[in-house]
Amino acid sequence: MHEPAEQVAPPDLDIGLPIEQLRPGITTLLGGDRERVQITVDAVNRRGKSFRCRVTGSPTLGAGGAVTGAILRMEVDGESRPSA
């Protein structure tokens, strides 16, 4: 598998999602080593409320099956959801 280009991400998105905790899973996807990863992290919504966030990622494939990127889906982990 090829090595993905090294990119520097900000420490958190403006919603308080800790990008550094997601980096290993994203790197795994971009390296073509797995078809899916799932990571649960502590995050903060735009109103300042803490919650557990489940992030599921899948690689995007181009011509010939080469990995061209990744799609990340984020959702509240658990029964309580932050108010919008």
Protein backbone atom coordinates (compact mmCIF):
# COMPACT_ATOMS: atom_id res chain seq x y z
CA MET A 1 0.00 0.00 0.00
CA HIS A 2 1.13 3.56 -0.60
CA GLU A 3 1.82 6.06 2.15
CA PRO A 4 -0.76 8.89 2.34
CA ALA A 5 0.58 12.43 2.16
CA GLU A 6 1.25 13.91 5.59
CA GLN A 7 -1.21 16.68 6.36
CA VAL A 8 -1.44 18.82 9.45
CA ALA A 9 -4.97 19.13 10.81
CA PRO A 10 -6.18 21.71 13.30
CA PRO A 11 -6.43 20.31 16.85
CA ASP A 12 -10.25 20.51 16.89
CA LEU A 13 -13.01 21.44 14.50
CA ASP A 14 -15.16 24.38 15.58
CA ILE A 15 -17.67 21.85 16.97
CA GLY A 16 -15.05 20.53 19.38
CA LEU A 17 -14.25 17.30 17.53
CA PRO A 18 -10.72 16.14 18.47
CA ILE A 19 -9.12 15.55 15.06
CA GLU A 20 -5.90 14.11 16.49
CA GLN A 21 -7.86 11.18 17.95
CA LEU A 22 -9.33 10.45 14.50
CA ARG A 23 -6.00 10.63 12.63
CA PRO A 24 -4.96 6.94 13.10
CA GLY A 25 -8.29 5.68 11.74
CA ILE A 26 -8.24 8.08 8.80
CA THR A 27 -4.66 7.08 8.00
CA THR A 28 -5.71 3.41 8.05
CA LEU A 29 -8.53 4.14 5.59
CA LEU A 30 -6.33 6.17 3.25
CA GLY A 31 -3.68 3.45 3.31
CA GLY A 32 -6.23 0.94 2.02
CA ASP A 33 -5.77 -1.33 5.03
CA ARG A 34 -9.45 -1.48 6.07
CA GLU A 35 -12.87 -1.03 4.52
CA ARG A 36 -14.34 0.66 7.59
CA VAL A 37 -13.24 2.18 10.89
CA GLN A 38 -15.29 3.30 13.87
CA ILE A 39 -13.98 5.54 16.65
CA THR A 40 -15.85 7.07 19.59
CA VAL A 41 -14.53 10.33 21.04
CA ASP A 42 -15.57 13.02 23.51
CA ALA A 43 -16.71 16.15 21.67
CA VAL A 44 -18.39 19.49 22.35
CA ASN A 45 -21.34 20.79 20.34
CA ARG A 46 -21.70 24.40 19.18
CA ARG A 47 -23.60 25.26 22.35
CA GLY A 48 -20.79 24.02 24.57
CA LYS A 49 -22.43 20.76 25.66
CA SER A 50 -20.17 17.71 25.89
CA PHE A 51 -21.24 14.48 24.23
CA ARG A 52 -19.83 11.18 22.95
CA CYS A 53 -19.45 11.21 19.18
CA ARG A 54 -19.23 8.03 17.11
CA VAL A 55 -17.28 8.58 13.89
CA THR A 56 -17.54 5.92 11.18
CA GLY A 57 -15.26 6.13 8.16
CA SER A 58 -15.12 4.40 4.79
CA PRO A 59 -12.64 4.89 1.95
CA THR A 60 -13.71 6.29 -1.40
CA LEU A 61 -12.42 4.30 -4.36
CA GLY A 62 -11.48 5.54 -7.80
CA ALA A 63 -10.81 3.77 -11.06
CA GLY A 64 -9.23 0.38 -10.55
CA GLY A 65 -10.15 0.34 -6.86
CA ALA A 66 -7.48 2.81 -5.73
CA VAL A 67 -8.29 4.72 -2.52
CA THR A 68 -8.92 8.37 -3.40
CA GLY A 69 -10.22 9.71 -0.08
CA ALA A 70 -12.47 8.94 2.86
CA ILE A 71 -16.01 9.71 3.97
CA LEU A 72 -16.61 10.30 7.69
CA ARG A 73 -20.03 10.04 9.31
CA MET A 74 -20.48 11.57 12.75
CA GLU A 75 -23.35 10.84 15.12
CA VAL A 76 -24.16 11.13 18.79
CA ASP A 77 -23.21 7.93 20.60
CA GLY A 78 -25.91 6.94 23.06
CA GLU A 79 -29.54 7.70 23.65
CA SER A 80 -29.39 11.37 24.60
CA ARG A 81 -28.89 13.78 21.74
CA PRO A 82 -27.82 17.40 22.09
CA SER A 83 -30.53 19.89 21.27
CA ALA A 84 -30.13 21.69 17.94
